[in-house]
Amino acid sequence: MKTVRPYIYVLVVLAMVFWGMSFVWTTIVFDYLGPLSVVFVRLVISSALLLLGLRIANQLIIPDRKDMKLFFASAFFNPFLYFLGESFGVKFSSPTISSVIIATIPVFSLLAAFIFLKERLSKLNILGMAISFFGILIMLFNRNLSLSTSPLGIVCLLFAVFAAIGYSVTLKNLSSKYSAFVIVAYQNLIGAVLFAPLALTFEMDYFYQLRFDTRFLTSLLFLAILASSLAFVFYAISTREMGVSRTNIFSNFIPVFTAIFSFFVIGEVLTLQKIAGIVVVIFGVVLSQWHTAKSVRYNKVHE
């Protein structure tokens, strides 16, 4: 079995912290820019910083022509489709609910593997899925069975979940050949190009009316540098060293970080119902991944 170096655990936890906080930073930046322009600006900043850093370190390379389709495919899934769903999801719901739904990506990945790849599901997988969905329902419905958040927000977030599944497949093929910094730099650059016509066509008014202050600038830079750059680099490194299944288990902590920072930074109210939903969803996700993670470890031992 391959021994995972301690710093890899630090990197994957930091990635989850940054992604957990990103839902809060996004909510703050929405007071200044629209969803499309927020993603466009953060991707421009992120790709510029990463490409500049690679250039300074003399690590900037041009991907092989045969791999360009894979780069475009991965960038189309994430950041383009994923951020379309996540940004509008956060806009029409709340940071905590958004992060909880995004945290079900490993569960939907198992379901997709069952449907499209005919992979078998264990009883624990199925039970974990059911518990996760039940936890989401706890958060989404009030006692009178009315929705506690916008249906449009839920649809957008589920769209982001399915985009992330496609991204994980393409990322695995790229990470074996290119460094995490190179992958994320080009993905964000392609993503910025894809978002440019949308942001400049539908949200140009935001740029004319934009007011710069410390709250806006710090939140935007945190999104661009920490959430859109370092977090994805750390995740790519962790995926390469630990595998997809083991890395995804750590994503269960994202809603916890989001809930904590939402409470302290923007004053989001954490009701007992929300807290119960978070706990149930995380328990279900862990349970659904338990058999998969054990299988991965077993296979590594017997390779």
C-alpha atoms as a PDB file:
ATOM      1  CA  MET A   1       0.000   0.000   0.000  1.00  0.00           C
ATOM      2  CA  LYS A   2       1.313   3.410  -0.959  1.00  0.00           C
ATOM      3  CA  THR A   3       2.099   5.559   2.073  1.00  0.00           C
ATOM      4  CA  VAL A   4       0.532   9.008   1.897  1.00  0.00           C
ATOM      5  CA  ARG A   5       2.904  11.696   3.107  1.00  0.00           C
ATOM      6  CA  PRO A   6       1.531  13.857   5.965  1.00  0.00           C
ATOM      7  CA  TYR A   7       1.649  17.115   4.005  1.00  0.00           C
ATOM      8  CA  ILE A   8      -0.848  15.656   1.498  1.00  0.00           C
ATOM      9  CA  TYR A   9      -3.458  15.552   4.269  1.00  0.00           C
ATOM     10  CA  VAL A  10      -2.690  19.197   5.056  1.00  0.00           C
ATOM     11  CA  LEU A  11      -3.183  20.132   1.388  1.00  0.00           C
ATOM     12  CA  VAL A  12      -6.500  18.330   1.014  1.00  0.00           C
ATOM     13  CA  VAL A  13      -7.880  19.843   4.235  1.00  0.00           C
ATOM     14  CA  LEU A  14      -6.797  23.331   3.131  1.00  0.00           C
ATOM     15  CA  ALA A  15      -8.554  22.770  -0.218  1.00  0.00           C
ATOM     16  CA  MET A  16     -11.783  21.913   1.607  1.00  0.00           C
ATOM     17  CA  VAL A  17     -11.425  24.956   3.904  1.00  0.00           C
ATOM     18  CA  PHE A  18     -10.964  27.271   0.912  1.00  0.00           C
ATOM     19  CA  TRP A  19     -13.908  25.725  -0.935  1.00  0.00           C
ATOM     20  CA  GLY A  20     -16.047  25.893   2.183  1.00  0.00           C
ATOM     21  CA  MET A  21     -15.248  29.588   2.586  1.00  0.00           C
ATOM     22  CA  SER A  22     -15.776  30.234  -1.138  1.00  0.00           C
ATOM     23  CA  PHE A  23     -19.553  30.025  -0.719  1.00  0.00           C
ATOM     24  CA  VAL A  24     -19.359  32.859   1.815  1.00  0.00           C
ATOM     25  CA  TRP A  25     -16.990  34.969  -0.300  1.00  0.00           C
ATOM     26  CA  THR A  26     -19.247  34.437  -3.325  1.00  0.00           C
ATOM     27  CA  THR A  27     -22.279  35.666  -1.388  1.00  0.00           C
ATOM     28  CA  ILE A  28     -20.371  38.815  -0.413  1.00  0.00           C
ATOM     29  CA  VAL A  29     -19.157  39.539  -3.967  1.00  0.00           C
ATOM     30  CA  PHE A  30     -22.724  39.176  -5.270  1.00  0.00           C
ATOM     31  CA  ASP A  31     -23.427  42.539  -3.603  1.00  0.00           C
ATOM     32  CA  TYR A  32     -21.151  44.076  -6.249  1.00  0.00           C
ATOM     33  CA  LEU A  33     -21.225  41.848  -9.355  1.00  0.00           C
ATOM     34  CA  GLY A  34     -23.540  39.346 -11.034  1.00  0.00           C
ATOM     35  CA  PRO A  35     -22.891  35.564 -11.060  1.00  0.00           C
ATOM     36  CA  LEU A  36     -21.389  35.508 -14.564  1.00  0.00           C
ATOM     37  CA  SER A  37     -19.088  38.481 -14.017  1.00  0.00           C
ATOM     38  CA  VAL A  38     -17.939  37.154 -10.618  1.00  0.00           C
ATOM     39  CA  VAL A  39     -16.759  33.904 -12.185  1.00  0.00           C
ATOM     40  CA  PHE A  40     -15.229  35.690 -15.181  1.00  0.00           C
ATOM     41  CA  VAL A  41     -13.179  38.085 -13.034  1.00  0.00           C
ATOM     42  CA  ARG A  42     -12.000  35.422 -10.576  1.00  0.00           C
ATOM     43  CA  LEU A  43     -10.906  33.153 -13.438  1.00  0.00           C
ATOM     44  CA  VAL A  44      -9.027  35.978 -15.169  1.00  0.00           C
ATOM     45  CA  ILE A  45      -7.159  36.784 -11.955  1.00  0.00           C
ATOM     46  CA  SER A  46      -6.533  33.118 -11.134  1.00  0.00           C
ATOM     47  CA  SER A  47      -5.237  32.101 -14.586  1.00  0.00           C
ATOM     48  CA  ALA A  48      -3.042  35.212 -14.828  1.00  0.00           C
ATOM     49  CA  LEU A  49      -1.431  34.550 -11.445  1.00  0.00           C
ATOM     50  CA  LEU A  50      -0.890  30.852 -12.136  1.00  0.00           C
ATOM     51  CA  LEU A  51       0.569  31.400 -15.609  1.00  0.00           C
ATOM     52  CA  LEU A  52       2.831  34.160 -14.280  1.00  0.00           C
ATOM     53  CA  GLY A  53       4.003  31.918 -11.446  1.00  0.00           C
ATOM     54  CA  LEU A  54       4.730  29.063 -13.848  1.00  0.00           C
ATOM     55  CA  ARG A  55       6.640  31.448 -16.104  1.00  0.00           C
ATOM     56  CA  ILE A  56       8.765  32.774 -13.244  1.00  0.00           C
ATOM     57  CA  ALA A  57       9.482  29.234 -12.061  1.00  0.00           C
ATOM     58  CA  ASN A  58      10.341  28.213 -15.636  1.00  0.00           C
ATOM     59  CA  GLN A  59       7.650  25.521 -15.471  1.00  0.00           C
ATOM     60  CA  LEU A  60       5.285  26.921 -18.095  1.00  0.00           C
ATOM     61  CA  ILE A  61       4.719  24.380 -20.864  1.00  0.00           C
ATOM     62  CA  ILE A  62       2.385  24.183 -23.837  1.00  0.00           C
ATOM     63  CA  PRO A  63       0.175  21.075 -23.683  1.00  0.00           C
ATOM     64  CA  ASP A  64       0.580  18.504 -26.441  1.00  0.00           C
ATOM     65  CA  ARG A  65      -1.802  19.067 -29.326  1.00  0.00           C
ATOM     66  CA  LYS A  66      -3.377  15.658 -28.792  1.00  0.00           C
ATOM     67  CA  ASP A  67      -4.231  16.635 -25.217  1.00  0.00           C
ATOM     68  CA  MET A  68      -5.905  19.947 -26.091  1.00  0.00           C
ATOM     69  CA  LYS A  69      -9.310  18.311 -26.554  1.00  0.00           C
ATOM     70  CA  LEU A  70      -9.000  16.872 -23.063  1.00  0.00           C
ATOM     71  CA  PHE A  71      -8.059  20.275 -21.635  1.00  0.00           C
ATOM     72  CA  PHE A  72     -11.050  21.895 -23.324  1.00  0.00           C
ATOM     73  CA  ALA A  73     -13.372  19.098 -22.199  1.00  0.00           C
ATOM     74  CA  SER A  74     -12.230  19.348 -18.588  1.00  0.00           C
ATOM     75  CA  ALA A  75     -12.464  23.166 -18.632  1.00  0.00           C
ATOM     76  CA  PHE A  76     -15.941  22.949 -20.159  1.00  0.00           C
ATOM     77  CA  PHE A  77     -17.081  20.803 -17.215  1.00  0.00           C
ATOM     78  CA  ASN A  78     -15.124  22.811 -14.644  1.00  0.00           C
ATOM     79  CA  PRO A  79     -14.880  25.770 -14.366  1.00  0.00           C
ATOM     80  CA  PHE A  80     -17.477  26.579 -17.062  1.00  0.00           C
ATOM     81  CA  LEU A  81     -20.515  24.347 -16.413  1.00  0.00           C
ATOM     82  CA  TYR A  82     -19.709  23.812 -12.739  1.00  0.00           C
ATOM     83  CA  PHE A  83     -19.415  27.515 -11.918  1.00  0.00           C
ATOM     84  CA  LEU A  84     -22.523  28.316 -13.939  1.00  0.00           C
ATOM     85  CA  GLY A  85     -24.487  25.988 -11.685  1.00  0.00           C
ATOM     86  CA  GLU A  86     -22.744  26.820  -8.422  1.00  0.00           C
ATOM     87  CA  SER A  87     -22.827  30.610  -8.835  1.00  0.00           C
ATOM     88  CA  PHE A  88     -26.533  30.807  -9.628  1.00  0.00           C
ATOM     89  CA  GLY A  89     -27.187  28.166  -6.969  1.00  0.00           C
ATOM     90  CA  VAL A  90     -25.527  30.291  -4.293  1.00  0.00           C
ATOM     91  CA  LYS A  91     -27.335  33.403  -5.564  1.00  0.00           C
ATOM     92  CA  PHE A  92     -30.762  31.796  -5.242  1.00  0.00           C
ATOM     93  CA  SER A  93     -30.192  29.828  -2.023  1.00  0.00           C
ATOM     94  CA  SER A  94     -27.751  30.180   0.876  1.00  0.00           C
ATOM     95  CA  PRO A  95     -24.043  29.359   1.336  1.00  0.00           C
ATOM     96  CA  THR A  96     -24.725  26.473   3.737  1.00  0.00           C
ATOM     97  CA  ILE A  97     -27.436  24.794   1.669  1.00  0.00           C
ATOM     98  CA  SER A  98     -25.292  25.215  -1.448  1.00  0.00           C
ATOM     99  CA  SER A  99     -22.260  23.585   0.152  1.00  0.00           C
ATOM    100  CA  VAL A 100     -24.327  20.659   1.467  1.00  0.00           C
ATOM    101  CA  ILE A 101     -25.726  19.874  -1.980  1.00  0.00           C
ATOM    102  CA  ILE A 102     -22.265  20.227  -3.554  1.00  0.00           C
ATOM    103  CA  ALA A 103     -20.942  17.814  -0.907  1.00  0.00           C
ATOM    104  CA  THR A 104     -23.125  15.057  -2.401  1.00  0.00           C
ATOM    105  CA  ILE A 105     -20.896  14.897  -5.491  1.00  0.00           C
ATOM    106  CA  PRO A 106     -19.296  11.595  -4.337  1.00  0.00           C
ATOM    107  CA  VAL A 107     -22.772  10.085  -3.892  1.00  0.00           C
ATOM    108  CA  PHE A 108     -23.901  11.064  -7.378  1.00  0.00           C
ATOM    109  CA  SER A 109     -20.559   9.825  -8.731  1.00  0.00           C
ATOM    110  CA  LEU A 110     -21.383   6.361  -7.420  1.00  0.00           C
ATOM    111  CA  LEU A 111     -24.849   6.553  -8.963  1.00  0.00           C
ATOM    112  CA  ALA A 112     -23.407   7.641 -12.319  1.00  0.00           C
ATOM    113  CA  ALA A 113     -20.892   4.772 -12.232  1.00  0.00           C
ATOM    114  CA  PHE A 114     -23.758   2.345 -11.581  1.00  0.00           C
ATOM    115  CA  ILE A 115     -25.894   3.692 -14.444  1.00  0.00           C
ATOM    116  CA  PHE A 116     -23.281   4.313 -17.127  1.00  0.00           C
ATOM    117  CA  LEU A 117     -20.371   2.029 -16.186  1.00  0.00           C
ATOM    118  CA  LYS A 118     -22.456  -0.797 -14.709  1.00  0.00           C
ATOM    119  CA  GLU A 119     -20.410  -0.764 -11.507  1.00  0.00           C
ATOM    120  CA  ARG A 120     -21.985  -2.648  -8.630  1.00  0.00           C
ATOM    121  CA  LEU A 121     -23.304  -0.863  -5.562  1.00  0.00           C
ATOM    122  CA  SER A 122     -23.005  -2.385  -2.116  1.00  0.00           C
ATOM    123  CA  LYS A 123     -25.771  -2.219   0.481  1.00  0.00           C
ATOM    124  CA  LEU A 124     -23.736   0.429   2.335  1.00  0.00           C
ATOM    125  CA  ASN A 125     -23.495   2.501  -0.864  1.00  0.00           C
ATOM    126  CA  ILE A 126     -27.263   2.418  -1.318  1.00  0.00           C
ATOM    127  CA  LEU A 127     -27.973   3.080   2.357  1.00  0.00           C
ATOM    128  CA  GLY A 128     -25.542   6.022   2.367  1.00  0.00           C
ATOM    129  CA  MET A 129     -27.208   7.507  -0.704  1.00  0.00           C
ATOM    130  CA  ALA A 130     -30.645   7.235   0.860  1.00  0.00           C
ATOM    131  CA  ILE A 131     -29.459   8.864   4.104  1.00  0.00           C
ATOM    132  CA  SER A 132     -27.744  11.699   2.196  1.00  0.00           C
ATOM    133  CA  PHE A 133     -30.881  12.480   0.203  1.00  0.00           C
ATOM    134  CA  PHE A 134     -32.934  12.390   3.404  1.00  0.00           C
ATOM    135  CA  GLY A 135     -30.533  14.893   4.978  1.00  0.00           C
ATOM    136  CA  ILE A 136     -30.933  17.216   1.999  1.00  0.00           C
ATOM    137  CA  LEU A 137     -34.718  17.011   2.328  1.00  0.00           C
ATOM    138  CA  ILE A 138     -34.426  17.968   6.013  1.00  0.00           C
ATOM    139  CA  MET A 139     -32.620  21.157   5.012  1.00  0.00           C
ATOM    140  CA  LEU A 140     -34.769  22.013   1.995  1.00  0.00           C
ATOM    141  CA  PHE A 141     -38.261  21.587   3.463  1.00  0.00           C
ATOM    142  CA  ASN A 142     -39.905  23.429   6.321  1.00  0.00           C
ATOM    143  CA  ARG A 143     -42.217  21.728   8.804  1.00  0.00           C
ATOM    144  CA  ASN A 144     -45.240  22.608   6.648  1.00  0.00           C
ATOM    145  CA  LEU A 145     -43.469  20.905   3.689  1.00  0.00           C
ATOM    146  CA  SER A 146     -42.824  24.215   1.910  1.00  0.00           C
ATOM    147  CA  LEU A 147     -39.396  24.731   0.364  1.00  0.00           C
ATOM    148  CA  SER A 148     -36.978  26.703   2.538  1.00  0.00           C
ATOM    149  CA  THR A 149     -35.017  27.862  -0.505  1.00  0.00           C
ATOM    150  CA  SER A 150     -35.588  28.634  -4.178  1.00  0.00           C
ATOM    151  CA  PRO A 151     -36.269  25.609  -6.449  1.00  0.00           C
ATOM    152  CA  LEU A 152     -34.170  27.341  -9.111  1.00  0.00           C
ATOM    153  CA  GLY A 153     -31.227  27.402  -6.709  1.00  0.00           C
ATOM    154  CA  ILE A 154     -31.575  23.661  -6.098  1.00  0.00           C
ATOM    155  CA  VAL A 155     -31.701  22.896  -9.838  1.00  0.00           C
ATOM    156  CA  CYS A 156     -28.597  25.035 -10.467  1.00  0.00           C
ATOM    157  CA  LEU A 157     -26.668  23.307  -7.686  1.00  0.00           C
ATOM    158  CA  LEU A 158     -27.601  19.841  -8.958  1.00  0.00           C
ATOM    159  CA  PHE A 159     -26.423  20.967 -12.395  1.00  0.00           C
ATOM    160  CA  ALA A 160     -23.068  21.849 -10.811  1.00  0.00           C
ATOM    161  CA  VAL A 161     -22.923  18.422  -9.150  1.00  0.00           C
ATOM    162  CA  PHE A 162     -23.283  16.597 -12.463  1.00  0.00           C
ATOM    163  CA  ALA A 163     -20.714  18.890 -14.102  1.00  0.00           C
ATOM    164  CA  ALA A 164     -18.250  17.992 -11.333  1.00  0.00           C
ATOM    165  CA  ILE A 165     -18.699  14.283 -12.095  1.00  0.00           C
ATOM    166  CA  GLY A 166     -17.664  14.845 -15.709  1.00  0.00           C
ATOM    167  CA  TYR A 167     -14.709  16.926 -14.531  1.00  0.00           C
ATOM    168  CA  SER A 168     -13.383  14.215 -12.223  1.00  0.00           C
ATOM    169  CA  VAL A 169     -13.141  11.783 -15.141  1.00  0.00           C
ATOM    170  CA  THR A 170     -11.163  14.155 -17.382  1.00  0.00           C
ATOM    171  CA  LEU A 171      -8.971  15.333 -14.495  1.00  0.00           C
ATOM    172  CA  LYS A 172      -7.804  11.790 -13.804  1.00  0.00           C
ATOM    173  CA  ASN A 173      -6.488  11.477 -17.367  1.00  0.00           C
ATOM    174  CA  LEU A 174      -4.675  14.820 -17.254  1.00  0.00           C
ATOM    175  CA  SER A 175      -3.143  14.537 -13.770  1.00  0.00           C
ATOM    176  CA  SER A 176      -0.997  11.565 -14.794  1.00  0.00           C
ATOM    177  CA  LYS A 177       0.832  13.685 -17.392  1.00  0.00           C
ATOM    178  CA  TYR A 178       0.763  17.343 -16.289  1.00  0.00           C
ATOM    179  CA  SER A 179       1.422  19.105 -13.009  1.00  0.00           C
ATOM    180  CA  ALA A 180      -1.501  20.381 -10.978  1.00  0.00           C
ATOM    181  CA  PHE A 181      -0.442  24.017 -11.522  1.00  0.00           C
ATOM    182  CA  VAL A 182      -0.343  23.604 -15.322  1.00  0.00           C
ATOM    183  CA  ILE A 183      -3.735  21.865 -15.402  1.00  0.00           C
ATOM    184  CA  VAL A 184      -5.527  24.461 -13.279  1.00  0.00           C
ATOM    185  CA  ALA A 185      -3.846  27.398 -15.050  1.00  0.00           C
ATOM    186  CA  TYR A 186      -5.015  26.305 -18.501  1.00  0.00           C
ATOM    187  CA  GLN A 187      -8.448  25.190 -17.292  1.00  0.00           C
ATOM    188  CA  ASN A 188      -9.067  28.582 -15.701  1.00  0.00           C
ATOM    189  CA  LEU A 189      -7.762  30.393 -18.785  1.00  0.00           C
ATOM    190  CA  ILE A 190     -10.126  28.432 -21.030  1.00  0.00           C
ATOM    191  CA  GLY A 191     -12.921  28.989 -18.518  1.00  0.00           C
ATOM    192  CA  ALA A 192     -12.318  32.753 -18.562  1.00  0.00           C
ATOM    193  CA  VAL A 193     -12.528  32.761 -22.375  1.00  0.00           C
ATOM    194  CA  LEU A 194     -15.819  30.824 -22.244  1.00  0.00           C
ATOM    195  CA  PHE A 195     -17.311  33.141 -19.617  1.00  0.00           C
ATOM    196  CA  ALA A 196     -16.144  36.390 -21.279  1.00  0.00           C
ATOM    197  CA  PRO A 197     -18.942  36.721 -23.898  1.00  0.00           C
ATOM    198  CA  LEU A 198     -21.616  35.838 -21.320  1.00  0.00           C
ATOM    199  CA  ALA A 199     -20.375  38.291 -18.677  1.00  0.00           C
ATOM    200  CA  LEU A 200     -19.753  41.129 -21.127  1.00  0.00           C
ATOM    201  CA  THR A 201     -23.102  40.607 -22.874  1.00  0.00           C
ATOM    202  CA  PHE A 202     -25.489  40.072 -19.972  1.00  0.00           C
ATOM    203  CA  GLU A 203     -23.793  41.774 -17.018  1.00  0.00           C
ATOM    204  CA  MET A 204     -21.853  44.700 -18.461  1.00  0.00           C
ATOM    205  CA  ASP A 205     -23.893  47.132 -16.334  1.00  0.00           C
ATOM    206  CA  TYR A 206     -22.295  45.710 -13.189  1.00  0.00           C
ATOM    207  CA  PHE A 207     -18.863  46.846 -14.373  1.00  0.00           C
ATOM    208  CA  TYR A 208     -20.086  50.387 -15.045  1.00  0.00           C
ATOM    209  CA  GLN A 209     -21.593  50.630 -11.540  1.00  0.00           C
ATOM    210  CA  LEU A 210     -18.860  48.732  -9.709  1.00  0.00           C
ATOM    211  CA  ARG A 211     -17.638  50.282  -6.461  1.00  0.00           C
ATOM    212  CA  PHE A 212     -14.294  49.193  -5.057  1.00  0.00           C
ATOM    213  CA  ASP A 213     -13.904  48.777  -1.309  1.00  0.00           C
ATOM    214  CA  THR A 214     -11.963  46.504   1.032  1.00  0.00           C
ATOM    215  CA  ARG A 215     -14.863  44.076   1.514  1.00  0.00           C
ATOM    216  CA  PHE A 216     -15.231  43.515  -2.231  1.00  0.00           C
ATOM    217  CA  LEU A 217     -11.520  43.348  -3.086  1.00  0.00           C
ATOM    218  CA  THR A 218     -10.548  40.944  -0.288  1.00  0.00           C
ATOM    219  CA  SER A 219     -13.458  38.582  -1.012  1.00  0.00           C
ATOM    220  CA  LEU A 220     -12.738  38.602  -4.757  1.00  0.00           C
ATOM    221  CA  LEU A 221      -9.015  37.988  -4.284  1.00  0.00           C
ATOM    222  CA  PHE A 222      -9.695  35.184  -1.810  1.00  0.00           C
ATOM    223  CA  LEU A 223     -12.009  33.595  -4.379  1.00  0.00           C
ATOM    224  CA  ALA A 224      -9.470  33.938  -7.190  1.00  0.00           C
ATOM    225  CA  ILE A 225      -6.295  33.001  -5.322  1.00  0.00           C
ATOM    226  CA  LEU A 226      -7.452  30.545  -2.670  1.00  0.00           C
ATOM    227  CA  ALA A 227     -10.648  28.969  -4.037  1.00  0.00           C
ATOM    228  CA  SER A 228     -10.023  29.076  -7.801  1.00  0.00           C
ATOM    229  CA  SER A 229      -6.266  28.495  -7.759  1.00  0.00           C
ATOM    230  CA  LEU A 230      -4.683  26.912  -4.687  1.00  0.00           C
ATOM    231  CA  ALA A 231      -7.692  24.759  -3.748  1.00  0.00           C
ATOM    232  CA  PHE A 232      -7.817  23.127  -7.186  1.00  0.00           C
ATOM    233  CA  VAL A 233      -4.049  22.655  -7.214  1.00  0.00           C
ATOM    234  CA  PHE A 234      -4.158  21.049  -3.767  1.00  0.00           C
ATOM    235  CA  TYR A 235      -7.094  18.858  -4.843  1.00  0.00           C
ATOM    236  CA  ALA A 236      -5.302  17.716  -7.999  1.00  0.00           C
ATOM    237  CA  ILE A 237      -2.175  16.836  -5.992  1.00  0.00           C
ATOM    238  CA  SER A 238      -4.253  14.961  -3.415  1.00  0.00           C
ATOM    239  CA  THR A 239      -6.142  13.052  -6.120  1.00  0.00           C
ATOM    240  CA  ARG A 240      -2.854  11.969  -7.686  1.00  0.00           C
ATOM    241  CA  GLU A 241      -1.394  10.816  -4.344  1.00  0.00           C
ATOM    242  CA  MET A 242      -4.488   9.407  -2.603  1.00  0.00           C
ATOM    243  CA  GLY A 243      -6.902   8.501  -5.396  1.00  0.00           C
ATOM    244  CA  VAL A 244     -10.339   9.950  -6.159  1.00  0.00           C
ATOM    245  CA  SER A 245     -12.336   7.971  -3.590  1.00  0.00           C
ATOM    246  CA  ARG A 246     -10.125   8.738  -0.596  1.00  0.00           C
ATOM    247  CA  THR A 247      -9.803  12.400  -1.572  1.00  0.00           C
ATOM    248  CA  ASN A 248     -13.562  12.802  -1.991  1.00  0.00           C
ATOM    249  CA  ILE A 249     -14.168  11.649   1.579  1.00  0.00           C
ATOM    250  CA  PHE A 250     -12.584  14.898   2.772  1.00  0.00           C
ATOM    251  CA  SER A 251     -15.183  16.887   0.817  1.00  0.00           C
ATOM    252  CA  ASN A 252     -17.638  15.950   3.556  1.00  0.00           C
ATOM    253  CA  PHE A 253     -16.075  18.683   5.689  1.00  0.00           C
ATOM    254  CA  ILE A 254     -16.918  21.473   3.216  1.00  0.00           C
ATOM    255  CA  PRO A 255     -20.458  22.127   4.573  1.00  0.00           C
ATOM    256  CA  VAL A 256     -19.085  22.270   8.121  1.00  0.00           C
ATOM    257  CA  PHE A 257     -16.551  24.942   7.177  1.00  0.00           C
ATOM    258  CA  THR A 258     -19.203  26.830   5.201  1.00  0.00           C
ATOM    259  CA  ALA A 259     -21.687  26.770   8.082  1.00  0.00           C
ATOM    260  CA  ILE A 260     -19.087  28.031  10.559  1.00  0.00           C
ATOM    261  CA  PHE A 261     -17.854  30.867   8.352  1.00  0.00           C
ATOM    262  CA  SER A 262     -21.379  31.780   7.221  1.00  0.00           C
ATOM    263  CA  PHE A 263     -22.393  32.195  10.849  1.00  0.00           C
ATOM    264  CA  PHE A 264     -19.410  34.339  11.839  1.00  0.00           C
ATOM    265  CA  VAL A 265     -18.834  36.335   8.623  1.00  0.00           C
ATOM    266  CA  ILE A 266     -22.274  37.061   7.137  1.00  0.00           C
ATOM    267  CA  GLY A 267     -24.488  36.155  10.083  1.00  0.00           C
ATOM    268  CA  GLU A 268     -26.372  33.276   8.445  1.00  0.00           C
ATOM    269  CA  VAL A 269     -28.806  31.760  10.929  1.00  0.00           C
ATOM    270  CA  LEU A 270     -28.018  28.117  11.718  1.00  0.00           C
ATOM    271  CA  THR A 271     -31.220  26.516  12.915  1.00  0.00           C
ATOM    272  CA  LEU A 272     -31.349  23.079  14.511  1.00  0.00           C
ATOM    273  CA  GLN A 273     -32.999  21.860  11.320  1.00  0.00           C
ATOM    274  CA  LYS A 274     -30.021  23.011   9.216  1.00  0.00           C
ATOM    275  CA  ILE A 275     -27.516  21.539  11.637  1.00  0.00           C
ATOM    276  CA  ALA A 276     -29.408  18.220  11.680  1.00  0.00           C
ATOM    277  CA  GLY A 277     -29.505  18.195   7.875  1.00  0.00           C
ATOM    278  CA  ILE A 278     -25.765  18.817   7.637  1.00  0.00           C
ATOM    279  CA  VAL A 279     -24.997  15.983  10.054  1.00  0.00           C
ATOM    280  CA  VAL A 280     -27.308  13.533   8.254  1.00  0.00           C
ATOM    281  CA  VAL A 281     -25.935  14.404   4.795  1.00  0.00           C
ATOM    282  CA  ILE A 282     -22.304  14.059   5.907  1.00  0.00           C
ATOM    283  CA  PHE A 283     -23.023  10.748   7.629  1.00  0.00           C
ATOM    284  CA  GLY A 284     -24.722   9.453   4.492  1.00  0.00           C
ATOM    285  CA  VAL A 285     -21.891  10.540   2.210  1.00  0.00           C
ATOM    286  CA  VAL A 286     -19.277   8.907   4.465  1.00  0.00           C
ATOM    287  CA  LEU A 287     -21.337   5.715   4.586  1.00  0.00           C
ATOM    288  CA  SER A 288     -21.804   5.643   0.816  1.00  0.00           C
ATOM    289  CA  GLN A 289     -18.026   5.991   0.327  1.00  0.00           C
ATOM    290  CA  TRP A 290     -16.955   3.588   3.056  1.00  0.00           C
ATOM    291  CA  HIS A 291     -17.085   0.418   0.983  1.00  0.00           C
ATOM    292  CA  THR A 292     -15.457   2.176  -1.996  1.00  0.00           C
ATOM    293  CA  ALA A 293     -12.579   3.498   0.103  1.00  0.00           C
ATOM    294  CA  LYS A 294     -12.021   0.069   1.692  1.00  0.00           C
ATOM    295  CA  SER A 295     -11.991  -1.542  -1.757  1.00  0.00           C
ATOM    296  CA  VAL A 296      -9.412   0.953  -3.017  1.00  0.00           C
ATOM    297  CA  ARG A 297      -7.143   0.269  -0.039  1.00  0.00           C
ATOM    298  CA  TYR A 298      -7.562  -3.502  -0.488  1.00  0.00           C
ATOM    299  CA  ASN A 299      -6.695  -3.356  -4.171  1.00  0.00           C
ATOM    300  CA  LYS A 300      -3.609  -1.234  -3.497  1.00  0.00           C
ATOM    301  CA  VAL A 301      -2.367  -3.745  -0.929  1.00  0.00           C
ATOM    302  CA  HIS A 302      -2.739  -6.643  -3.385  1.00  0.00           C
ATOM    303  CA  GLU A 303      -1.338  -4.925  -6.462  1.00  0.00           C
END
